[in-house]
Amino acid sequence: MQLVISDHHQGLEAAIQRTLATSWQRCKVHFLRNLLAHVRKGERAAIGSQVRTVFAFRQQVSAQQQWGKIAEELRSRFPKVAQLMDEAESEVLAYLSYPESLHPKICSTNPIERLNKEIKRRSRTVEIFPCESAILRLVGALLMEQNDEWAVARSYLNLVDLARVCDADKTDPEPDRQ
């Protein structure tokens, strides 16, 4: 079972559905920002805390029950928020169908956004590249460095669980599509 993690960009979402036969995980951080944009500033902290309680659950059924409970509690005062929660539940909680050790790493786009910031930071220090291949060398070196760090140094993803997920892909001709 493969997974693509992104924000709720409609073009990106359509391209993922059209070209990749994968599950889609909506970034929980982006979702929460989008959700809280429909709440008055004075109530954002309380509503945000309430919705974040869902992410403490490690089992999909428990998280879905909490999600539904919160949506119902908010429905009378914040109908738009409840509607957004109803529409996004399966997208935001898709990561829960994967091994628990992978949950913190696959529930948001934070890792790739951090990598993009590092590429931007290092590129700015150079300021002017002599040619296109110089940019490719710098970015390629950064990507290789990050790959080594994720795979070995910090073991960003649990390789045993990741291998188990990849092996399931090989044996399951019809991956679950959400």
N, C-alpha and C. Protein backbone atom coordinates (compact mmCIF):
# COMPACT_ATOMS: atom_id res chain seq x y z
N MET A 1 0.85 -1.17 0.00
CA MET A 1 0.00 0.00 0.00
C MET A 1 0.89 1.23 0.00
N GLN A 2 0.78 2.04 -1.02
CA GLN A 2 1.56 3.26 -1.11
C GLN A 2 0.73 4.43 -0.61
N LEU A 3 1.42 5.50 -0.23
CA LEU A 3 0.74 6.64 0.34
C LEU A 3 1.38 7.92 -0.17
N VAL A 4 0.55 8.88 -0.54
CA VAL A 4 1.01 10.22 -0.90
C VAL A 4 0.48 11.16 0.17
N ILE A 5 1.35 12.03 0.66
CA ILE A 5 0.98 12.98 1.70
C ILE A 5 1.09 14.38 1.12
N SER A 6 0.03 15.17 1.25
CA SER A 6 0.06 16.53 0.71
C SER A 6 -0.98 17.38 1.42
N ASP A 7 -0.97 18.66 1.07
CA ASP A 7 -2.04 19.52 1.56
C ASP A 7 -3.26 19.31 0.65
N HIS A 8 -4.27 20.13 0.82
CA HIS A 8 -5.53 19.94 0.10
C HIS A 8 -5.58 20.77 -1.18
N HIS A 9 -4.50 20.76 -1.92
CA HIS A 9 -4.44 21.47 -3.19
C HIS A 9 -5.22 20.65 -4.21
N GLN A 10 -6.28 21.21 -4.77
CA GLN A 10 -7.17 20.44 -5.63
C GLN A 10 -6.49 19.89 -6.87
N GLY A 11 -5.60 20.66 -7.48
CA GLY A 11 -4.89 20.18 -8.66
C GLY A 11 -3.98 19.03 -8.34
N LEU A 12 -3.28 19.14 -7.23
CA LEU A 12 -2.38 18.08 -6.80
C LEU A 12 -3.18 16.82 -6.45
N GLU A 13 -4.26 17.02 -5.75
CA GLU A 13 -5.13 15.90 -5.38
C GLU A 13 -5.68 15.19 -6.62
N ALA A 14 -6.10 15.93 -7.62
CA ALA A 14 -6.62 15.34 -8.86
C ALA A 14 -5.52 14.59 -9.60
N ALA A 15 -4.32 15.16 -9.64
CA ALA A 15 -3.20 14.49 -10.31
C ALA A 15 -2.84 13.19 -9.61
N ILE A 16 -2.88 13.19 -8.29
CA ILE A 16 -2.58 11.97 -7.53
C ILE A 16 -3.60 10.89 -7.86
N GLN A 17 -4.87 11.25 -7.87
CA GLN A 17 -5.92 10.28 -8.17
C GLN A 17 -5.82 9.76 -9.60
N ARG A 18 -5.48 10.63 -10.53
CA ARG A 18 -5.46 10.26 -11.94
C ARG A 18 -4.23 9.44 -12.30
N THR A 19 -3.08 9.76 -11.73
CA THR A 19 -1.84 9.14 -12.20
C THR A 19 -1.23 8.11 -11.25
N LEU A 20 -1.54 8.19 -9.97
CA LEU A 20 -0.94 7.27 -9.01
C LEU A 20 -2.03 6.41 -8.37
N ALA A 21 -1.79 5.14 -8.33
CA ALA A 21 -2.75 4.23 -7.68
C ALA A 21 -2.36 4.08 -6.21
N THR A 22 -2.59 5.16 -5.44
CA THR A 22 -2.16 5.15 -4.04
C THR A 22 -3.26 5.70 -3.14
N SER A 23 -3.04 5.51 -1.85
CA SER A 23 -3.86 6.17 -0.84
C SER A 23 -3.36 7.60 -0.71
N TRP A 24 -4.21 8.46 -0.16
CA TRP A 24 -3.81 9.85 0.01
C TRP A 24 -4.01 10.26 1.46
N GLN A 25 -2.99 10.86 2.03
CA GLN A 25 -3.03 11.38 3.38
C GLN A 25 -3.02 12.90 3.29
N ARG A 26 -4.05 13.52 3.81
CA ARG A 26 -4.09 14.98 3.88
C ARG A 26 -3.28 15.39 5.11
N CYS A 27 -2.37 16.29 4.93
CA CYS A 27 -1.52 16.75 6.03
C CYS A 27 -2.39 17.28 7.17
N LYS A 28 -2.18 16.72 8.36
CA LYS A 28 -3.01 17.13 9.49
C LYS A 28 -2.72 18.58 9.91
N VAL A 29 -1.51 19.03 9.72
CA VAL A 29 -1.15 20.41 10.08
C VAL A 29 -1.88 21.40 9.15
N HIS A 30 -1.83 21.13 7.85
CA HIS A 30 -2.53 22.00 6.90
C HIS A 30 -4.04 21.95 7.14
N PHE A 31 -4.56 20.75 7.42
CA PHE A 31 -6.00 20.64 7.68
C PHE A 31 -6.40 21.49 8.87
N LEU A 32 -5.63 21.40 9.95
CA LEU A 32 -5.96 22.16 11.15
C LEU A 32 -5.92 23.66 10.88
N ARG A 33 -4.94 24.11 10.12
CA ARG A 33 -4.89 25.54 9.75
C ARG A 33 -6.13 25.94 8.96
N ASN A 34 -6.50 25.11 7.98
CA ASN A 34 -7.69 25.39 7.17
C ASN A 34 -8.94 25.42 8.03
N LEU A 35 -9.05 24.48 8.94
CA LEU A 35 -10.20 24.38 9.82
C LEU A 35 -10.31 25.61 10.71
N LEU A 36 -9.20 25.99 11.33
CA LEU A 36 -9.22 27.11 12.28
C LEU A 36 -9.43 28.46 11.60
N ALA A 37 -9.26 28.52 10.29
CA ALA A 37 -9.54 29.76 9.56
C ALA A 37 -11.04 30.08 9.60
N HIS A 38 -11.87 29.10 9.95
CA HIS A 38 -13.32 29.30 10.01
C HIS A 38 -13.81 29.55 11.44
N VAL A 39 -12.87 29.82 12.34
CA VAL A 39 -13.20 30.04 13.75
C VAL A 39 -12.67 31.41 14.15
N ARG A 40 -13.40 32.11 15.01
CA ARG A 40 -12.93 33.41 15.50
C ARG A 40 -11.61 33.25 16.24
N LYS A 41 -10.77 34.26 16.14
CA LYS A 41 -9.42 34.20 16.73
C LYS A 41 -9.44 33.81 18.20
N GLY A 42 -10.37 34.34 18.94
CA GLY A 42 -10.43 34.06 20.37
C GLY A 42 -10.76 32.62 20.71
N GLU A 43 -11.32 31.89 19.76
CA GLU A 43 -11.72 30.51 20.01
C GLU A 43 -10.82 29.48 19.33
N ARG A 44 -9.85 29.95 18.57
CA ARG A 44 -8.98 29.03 17.82
C ARG A 44 -8.18 28.09 18.72
N ALA A 45 -7.65 28.60 19.81
CA ALA A 45 -6.83 27.75 20.69
C ALA A 45 -7.67 26.61 21.27
N ALA A 46 -8.87 26.93 21.72
CA ALA A 46 -9.73 25.91 22.33
C ALA A 46 -10.18 24.87 21.30
N ILE A 47 -10.61 25.33 20.14
CA ILE A 47 -11.06 24.41 19.09
C ILE A 47 -9.88 23.58 18.60
N GLY A 48 -8.74 24.21 18.41
CA GLY A 48 -7.54 23.49 17.97
C GLY A 48 -7.15 22.40 18.95
N SER A 49 -7.18 22.71 20.24
CA SER A 49 -6.86 21.71 21.26
C SER A 49 -7.84 20.56 21.23
N GLN A 50 -9.09 20.88 21.04
CA GLN A 50 -10.12 19.86 20.99
C GLN A 50 -9.91 18.92 19.80
N VAL A 51 -9.64 19.47 18.63
CA VAL A 51 -9.44 18.64 17.44
C VAL A 51 -8.14 17.84 17.56
N ARG A 52 -7.10 18.43 18.15
CA ARG A 52 -5.82 17.72 18.29
C ARG A 52 -5.93 16.46 19.16
N THR A 53 -6.95 16.38 20.00
CA THR A 53 -7.08 15.18 20.84
C THR A 53 -7.25 13.93 19.98
N VAL A 54 -7.78 14.09 18.79
CA VAL A 54 -7.95 12.94 17.88
C VAL A 54 -6.60 12.32 17.56
N PHE A 55 -5.57 13.14 17.40
CA PHE A 55 -4.26 12.65 16.98
C PHE A 55 -3.52 11.92 18.10
N ALA A 56 -4.05 11.93 19.30
CA ALA A 56 -3.46 11.16 20.40
C ALA A 56 -3.85 9.68 20.31
N PHE A 57 -4.92 9.39 19.59
CA PHE A 57 -5.37 8.00 19.47
C PHE A 57 -4.51 7.26 18.45
N ARG A 58 -4.20 6.02 18.76
CA ARG A 58 -3.33 5.23 17.89
C ARG A 58 -4.10 4.20 17.07
N GLN A 59 -5.32 3.96 17.46
CA GLN A 59 -6.16 3.01 16.73
C GLN A 59 -7.16 3.79 15.88
N GLN A 60 -7.36 3.33 14.65
CA GLN A 60 -8.21 4.05 13.72
C GLN A 60 -9.65 4.18 14.23
N VAL A 61 -10.19 3.12 14.80
CA VAL A 61 -11.59 3.15 15.26
C VAL A 61 -11.75 4.18 16.37
N SER A 62 -10.83 4.21 17.32
CA SER A 62 -10.91 5.17 18.43
C SER A 62 -10.79 6.60 17.93
N ALA A 63 -9.86 6.82 17.00
CA ALA A 63 -9.67 8.16 16.45
C ALA A 63 -10.92 8.61 15.69
N GLN A 64 -11.52 7.70 14.93
CA GLN A 64 -12.72 8.04 14.18
C GLN A 64 -13.89 8.36 15.12
N GLN A 65 -13.99 7.62 16.22
CA GLN A 65 -15.05 7.89 17.19
C GLN A 65 -14.86 9.28 17.81
N GLN A 66 -13.63 9.60 18.18
CA GLN A 66 -13.34 10.91 18.76
C GLN A 66 -13.60 12.01 17.74
N TRP A 67 -13.21 11.77 16.50
CA TRP A 67 -13.43 12.73 15.42
C TRP A 67 -14.92 13.06 15.30
N GLY A 68 -15.74 12.00 15.24
CA GLY A 68 -17.19 12.17 15.12
C GLY A 68 -17.79 12.89 16.32
N LYS A 69 -17.29 12.56 17.50
CA LYS A 69 -17.77 13.20 18.74
C LYS A 69 -17.48 14.70 18.72
N ILE A 70 -16.27 15.06 18.32
CA ILE A 70 -15.90 16.48 18.28
C ILE A 70 -16.71 17.21 17.21
N ALA A 71 -16.88 16.58 16.05
CA ALA A 71 -17.66 17.21 14.99
C ALA A 71 -19.09 17.49 15.46
N GLU A 72 -19.67 16.55 16.18
CA GLU A 72 -21.04 16.74 16.68
C GLU A 72 -21.09 17.85 17.73
N GLU A 73 -20.08 17.90 18.60
CA GLU A 73 -20.04 18.95 19.63
C GLU A 73 -19.94 20.34 19.00
N LEU A 74 -19.24 20.43 17.87
CA LEU A 74 -19.02 21.73 17.23
C LEU A 74 -20.13 22.11 16.24
N ARG A 75 -20.95 21.15 15.88
CA ARG A 75 -21.93 21.36 14.80
C ARG A 75 -22.88 22.53 15.04
N SER A 76 -23.37 22.71 16.26
CA SER A 76 -24.34 23.79 16.49
C SER A 76 -23.69 25.17 16.46
N ARG A 77 -22.50 25.32 17.02
CA ARG A 77 -21.84 26.63 17.06
C ARG A 77 -21.01 26.92 15.82
N PHE A 78 -20.44 25.87 15.22
CA PHE A 78 -19.55 26.03 14.08
C PHE A 78 -19.91 25.02 12.98
N PRO A 79 -21.02 25.25 12.29
CA PRO A 79 -21.46 24.28 11.29
C PRO A 79 -20.45 24.06 10.16
N LYS A 80 -19.75 25.12 9.76
CA LYS A 80 -18.76 25.00 8.69
C LYS A 80 -17.59 24.11 9.14
N VAL A 81 -17.17 24.25 10.39
CA VAL A 81 -16.09 23.44 10.94
C VAL A 81 -16.52 21.97 10.98
N ALA A 82 -17.72 21.71 11.44
CA ALA A 82 -18.22 20.34 11.50
C ALA A 82 -18.32 19.74 10.10
N GLN A 83 -18.76 20.53 9.14
CA GLN A 83 -18.86 20.05 7.76
C GLN A 83 -17.47 19.70 7.22
N LEU A 84 -16.49 20.57 7.46
CA LEU A 84 -15.13 20.29 7.02
C LEU A 84 -14.60 19.01 7.65
N MET A 85 -14.90 18.82 8.93
CA MET A 85 -14.46 17.59 9.60
C MET A 85 -15.13 16.36 8.98
N ASP A 86 -16.42 16.46 8.69
CA ASP A 86 -17.14 15.35 8.07
C ASP A 86 -16.51 14.98 6.73
N GLU A 87 -16.19 15.99 5.94
CA GLU A 87 -15.65 15.77 4.59
C GLU A 87 -14.22 15.25 4.60
N ALA A 88 -13.44 15.61 5.60
CA ALA A 88 -12.00 15.31 5.58
C ALA A 88 -11.58 14.14 6.46
N GLU A 89 -12.47 13.53 7.17
CA GLU A 89 -12.09 12.50 8.14
C GLU A 89 -11.21 11.41 7.54
N SER A 90 -11.63 10.78 6.47
CA SER A 90 -10.86 9.67 5.90
C SER A 90 -9.52 10.16 5.35
N GLU A 91 -9.47 11.39 4.87
CA GLU A 91 -8.24 11.94 4.31
C GLU A 91 -7.21 12.23 5.40
N VAL A 92 -7.66 12.81 6.50
CA VAL A 92 -6.76 13.22 7.57
C VAL A 92 -6.31 12.03 8.42
N LEU A 93 -7.15 11.01 8.53
CA LEU A 93 -6.83 9.86 9.37
C LEU A 93 -6.32 8.66 8.58
N ALA A 94 -5.98 8.84 7.31
CA ALA A 94 -5.50 7.73 6.48
C ALA A 94 -4.24 7.09 7.04
N TYR A 95 -3.38 7.86 7.69
CA TYR A 95 -2.12 7.34 8.21
C TYR A 95 -2.33 6.24 9.26
N LEU A 96 -3.50 6.19 9.87
CA LEU A 96 -3.75 5.21 10.93
C LEU A 96 -3.86 3.78 10.41
N SER A 97 -3.97 3.59 9.11
CA SER A 97 -4.03 2.24 8.56
C SER A 97 -2.63 1.66 8.33
N TYR A 98 -1.60 2.42 8.68
CA TYR A 98 -0.21 1.98 8.55
C TYR A 98 0.32 1.60 9.93
N PRO A 99 1.48 0.90 9.98
CA PRO A 99 2.05 0.54 11.28
C PRO A 99 2.25 1.77 12.18
N GLU A 100 2.00 1.57 13.46
CA GLU A 100 2.02 2.67 14.44
C GLU A 100 3.35 3.41 14.47
N SER A 101 4.45 2.71 14.27
CA SER A 101 5.76 3.38 14.32
C SER A 101 5.93 4.40 13.20
N LEU A 102 5.14 4.28 12.14
CA LEU A 102 5.23 5.22 11.02
C LEU A 102 4.31 6.43 11.18
N HIS A 103 3.34 6.36 12.08
CA HIS A 103 2.33 7.42 12.23
C HIS A 103 2.91 8.82 12.34
N PRO A 104 3.86 9.06 13.24
CA PRO A 104 4.34 10.45 13.38
C PRO A 104 5.03 10.98 12.13
N LYS A 105 5.52 10.08 11.30
CA LYS A 105 6.28 10.50 10.12
C LYS A 105 5.41 10.70 8.89
N ILE A 106 4.23 10.07 8.87
CA ILE A 106 3.43 10.11 7.64
C ILE A 106 2.10 10.85 7.80
N CYS A 107 1.91 11.51 8.92
CA CYS A 107 0.64 12.21 9.12
C CYS A 107 0.68 13.66 8.65
N SER A 108 1.86 14.14 8.26
CA SER A 108 1.95 15.52 7.80
C SER A 108 3.07 15.67 6.77
N THR A 109 3.14 16.83 6.17
CA THR A 109 4.18 17.13 5.18
C THR A 109 5.39 17.81 5.82
N ASN A 110 5.46 17.85 7.12
CA ASN A 110 6.55 18.55 7.81
C ASN A 110 7.94 18.11 7.36
N PRO A 111 8.22 16.81 7.20
CA PRO A 111 9.58 16.41 6.79
C PRO A 111 9.99 16.98 5.43
N ILE A 112 9.10 16.93 4.46
CA ILE A 112 9.46 17.44 3.13
C ILE A 112 9.53 18.97 3.15
N GLU A 113 8.70 19.61 3.95
CA GLU A 113 8.77 21.07 4.06
C GLU A 113 10.08 21.49 4.72
N ARG A 114 10.53 20.73 5.69
CA ARG A 114 11.81 21.01 6.34
C ARG A 114 12.95 20.87 5.34
N LEU A 115 12.89 19.82 4.53
CA LEU A 115 13.91 19.61 3.50
C LEU A 115 13.90 20.76 2.49
N ASN A 116 12.72 21.19 2.06
CA ASN A 116 12.64 22.32 1.13
C ASN A 116 13.23 23.59 1.73
N LYS A 117 12.99 23.83 3.03
CA LYS A 117 13.57 25.01 3.69
C LYS A 117 15.10 24.93 3.71
N GLU A 118 15.63 23.72 3.94
CA GLU A 118 17.08 23.55 3.97
C GLU A 118 17.68 23.79 2.59
N ILE A 119 17.03 23.32 1.55
CA ILE A 119 17.50 23.57 0.18
C ILE A 119 17.49 25.07 -0.10
N LYS A 120 16.42 25.73 0.28
CA LYS A 120 16.32 27.18 0.07
C LYS A 120 17.40 27.92 0.86
N ARG A 121 17.61 27.52 2.11
CA ARG A 121 18.62 28.18 2.94
C ARG A 121 20.01 28.05 2.34
N ARG A 122 20.35 26.84 1.91
CA ARG A 122 21.69 26.62 1.35
C ARG A 122 21.84 27.30 -0.01
N SER A 123 20.78 27.34 -0.78
CA SER A 123 20.84 27.99 -2.10
C SER A 123 21.02 29.50 -1.96
N ARG A 124 20.41 30.08 -0.96
CA ARG A 124 20.53 31.53 -0.75
C ARG A 124 21.94 31.95 -0.39
N THR A 125 22.67 31.09 0.30
CA THR A 125 24.03 31.47 0.68
C THR A 125 24.94 31.55 -0.54
N VAL A 126 24.64 30.77 -1.57
CA VAL A 126 25.44 30.82 -2.79
C VAL A 126 25.10 32.07 -3.60
N GLU A 127 23.85 32.48 -3.56
CA GLU A 127 23.31 33.64 -4.26
C GLU A 127 23.29 33.50 -5.77
N ILE A 128 24.44 33.35 -6.41
CA ILE A 128 24.48 33.26 -7.87
C ILE A 128 25.19 31.97 -8.26
N PHE A 129 24.49 31.14 -8.99
CA PHE A 129 25.08 29.90 -9.46
C PHE A 129 25.68 30.13 -10.85
N PRO A 130 26.87 29.59 -11.09
CA PRO A 130 27.50 29.83 -12.40
C PRO A 130 26.77 29.15 -13.55
N CYS A 131 26.09 28.03 -13.26
CA CYS A 131 25.36 27.32 -14.30
C CYS A 131 24.31 26.41 -13.66
N GLU A 132 23.43 25.87 -14.49
CA GLU A 132 22.35 25.02 -13.99
C GLU A 132 22.89 23.76 -13.32
N SER A 133 23.97 23.21 -13.85
CA SER A 133 24.51 21.97 -13.27
C SER A 133 25.03 22.21 -11.84
N ALA A 134 25.45 23.44 -11.53
CA ALA A 134 25.89 23.74 -10.16
C ALA A 134 24.72 23.65 -9.18
N ILE A 135 23.57 24.12 -9.60
CA ILE A 135 22.36 24.01 -8.77
C ILE A 135 22.02 22.54 -8.56
N LEU A 136 22.05 21.78 -9.65
CA LEU A 136 21.72 20.35 -9.54
C LEU A 136 22.69 19.62 -8.62
N ARG A 137 23.99 19.97 -8.67
CA ARG A 137 24.97 19.33 -7.78
C ARG A 137 24.67 19.66 -6.32
N LEU A 138 24.37 20.92 -6.04
CA LEU A 138 24.09 21.32 -4.67
C LEU A 138 22.83 20.62 -4.14
N VAL A 139 21.76 20.72 -4.90
CA VAL A 139 20.49 20.12 -4.47
C VAL A 139 20.63 18.60 -4.40
N GLY A 140 21.30 18.00 -5.37
CA GLY A 140 21.52 16.55 -5.35
C GLY A 140 22.31 16.12 -4.12
N ALA A 141 23.34 16.87 -3.78
CA ALA A 141 24.14 16.55 -2.60
C ALA A 141 23.30 16.66 -1.32
N LEU A 142 22.47 17.69 -1.25
CA LEU A 142 21.59 17.85 -0.09
C LEU A 142 20.60 16.69 0.02
N LEU A 143 20.04 16.29 -1.11
CA LEU A 143 19.08 15.18 -1.10
C LEU A 143 19.75 13.87 -0.70
N MET A 144 20.96 13.64 -1.20
CA MET A 144 21.68 12.42 -0.81
C MET A 144 22.02 12.44 0.68
N GLU A 145 22.46 13.60 1.17
CA GLU A 145 22.77 13.74 2.58
C GLU A 145 21.54 13.47 3.44
N GLN A 146 20.40 14.03 3.04
CA GLN A 146 19.17 13.84 3.79
C GLN A 146 18.71 12.39 3.73
N ASN A 147 18.85 11.75 2.58
CA ASN A 147 18.48 10.34 2.45
C ASN A 147 19.31 9.48 3.40
N ASP A 148 20.62 9.73 3.43
CA ASP A 148 21.48 8.96 4.34
C ASP A 148 21.10 9.20 5.80
N GLU A 149 20.80 10.45 6.12
CA GLU A 149 20.43 10.76 7.50
C GLU A 149 19.12 10.08 7.89
N TRP A 150 18.14 10.11 7.00
CA TRP A 150 16.85 9.48 7.30
C TRP A 150 16.98 7.96 7.38
N ALA A 151 17.78 7.38 6.50
CA ALA A 151 17.88 5.92 6.44
C ALA A 151 18.79 5.35 7.51
N VAL A 152 19.87 6.05 7.85
CA VAL A 152 20.87 5.47 8.73
C VAL A 152 21.01 6.23 10.05
N ALA A 153 21.43 7.48 9.96
CA ALA A 153 21.78 8.23 11.16
C ALA A 153 20.62 8.36 12.14
N ARG A 154 19.50 8.87 11.67
CA ARG A 154 18.36 9.05 12.56
C ARG A 154 17.32 7.97 12.40
N SER A 155 17.50 7.14 11.40
CA SER A 155 16.52 6.11 11.07
C SER A 155 15.12 6.71 11.13
N TYR A 156 14.91 7.68 10.27
CA TYR A 156 13.68 8.46 10.25
C TYR A 156 12.45 7.56 10.15
N LEU A 157 12.49 6.60 9.26
CA LEU A 157 11.40 5.65 9.13
C LEU A 157 11.88 4.29 9.62
N ASN A 158 11.06 3.61 10.39
CA ASN A 158 11.39 2.28 10.85
C ASN A 158 11.44 1.36 9.63
N LEU A 159 12.64 0.91 9.28
CA LEU A 159 12.81 0.16 8.04
C LEU A 159 12.12 -1.20 8.07
N VAL A 160 11.98 -1.79 9.24
CA VAL A 160 11.29 -3.07 9.35
C VAL A 160 9.81 -2.89 9.00
N ASP A 161 9.17 -1.87 9.59
CA ASP A 161 7.77 -1.60 9.29
C ASP A 161 7.59 -1.16 7.84
N LEU A 162 8.52 -0.38 7.35
CA LEU A 162 8.44 0.08 5.97
C LEU A 162 8.56 -1.10 5.01
N ALA A 163 9.46 -2.03 5.30
CA ALA A 163 9.62 -3.23 4.47
C ALA A 163 8.34 -4.06 4.49
N ARG A 164 7.72 -4.14 5.66
CA ARG A 164 6.48 -4.91 5.78
C ARG A 164 5.38 -4.29 4.91
N VAL A 165 5.29 -2.97 4.90
CA VAL A 165 4.31 -2.28 4.07
C VAL A 165 4.62 -2.51 2.60
N CYS A 166 5.90 -2.42 2.23
CA CYS A 166 6.30 -2.63 0.83
C CYS A 166 6.05 -4.07 0.40
N ASP A 167 6.31 -5.04 1.28
CA ASP A 167 6.04 -6.44 0.97
C ASP A 167 4.56 -6.67 0.77
N ALA A 168 3.73 -5.99 1.54
CA ALA A 168 2.27 -6.11 1.38
C ALA A 168 1.86 -5.62 0.00
N ASP A 169 2.56 -4.60 -0.51
CA ASP A 169 2.27 -4.09 -1.86
C ASP A 169 2.51 -5.17 -2.91
N LYS A 170 3.56 -5.95 -2.71
CA LYS A 170 3.91 -6.97 -3.70
C LYS A 170 2.92 -8.12 -3.70
N THR A 171 2.35 -8.43 -2.54
CA THR A 171 1.43 -9.56 -2.46
C THR A 171 -0.01 -9.18 -2.66
N ASP A 172 -0.34 -7.91 -2.53
CA ASP A 172 -1.72 -7.46 -2.66
C ASP A 172 -1.89 -6.77 -4.02
N PRO A 173 -2.50 -7.48 -5.01
CA PRO A 173 -2.61 -6.88 -6.34
C PRO A 173 -3.55 -5.68 -6.39
N GLU A 174 -4.49 -5.57 -5.48
CA GLU A 174 -5.43 -4.46 -5.44
C GLU A 174 -5.26 -3.70 -4.14
N PRO A 175 -4.40 -2.66 -4.09
CA PRO A 175 -4.22 -1.90 -2.86
C PRO A 175 -5.52 -1.19 -2.47
N ASP A 176 -5.68 -1.00 -1.16
CA ASP A 176 -6.85 -0.27 -0.68
C ASP A 176 -6.79 1.15 -1.21
N ARG A 177 -7.86 1.58 -1.81
CA ARG A 177 -7.92 2.97 -2.31
C ARG A 177 -9.02 3.67 -1.55
N GLN A 178 -8.67 4.81 -1.01
CA GLN A 178 -9.63 5.56 -0.20
C GLN A 178 -10.13 6.75 -0.94
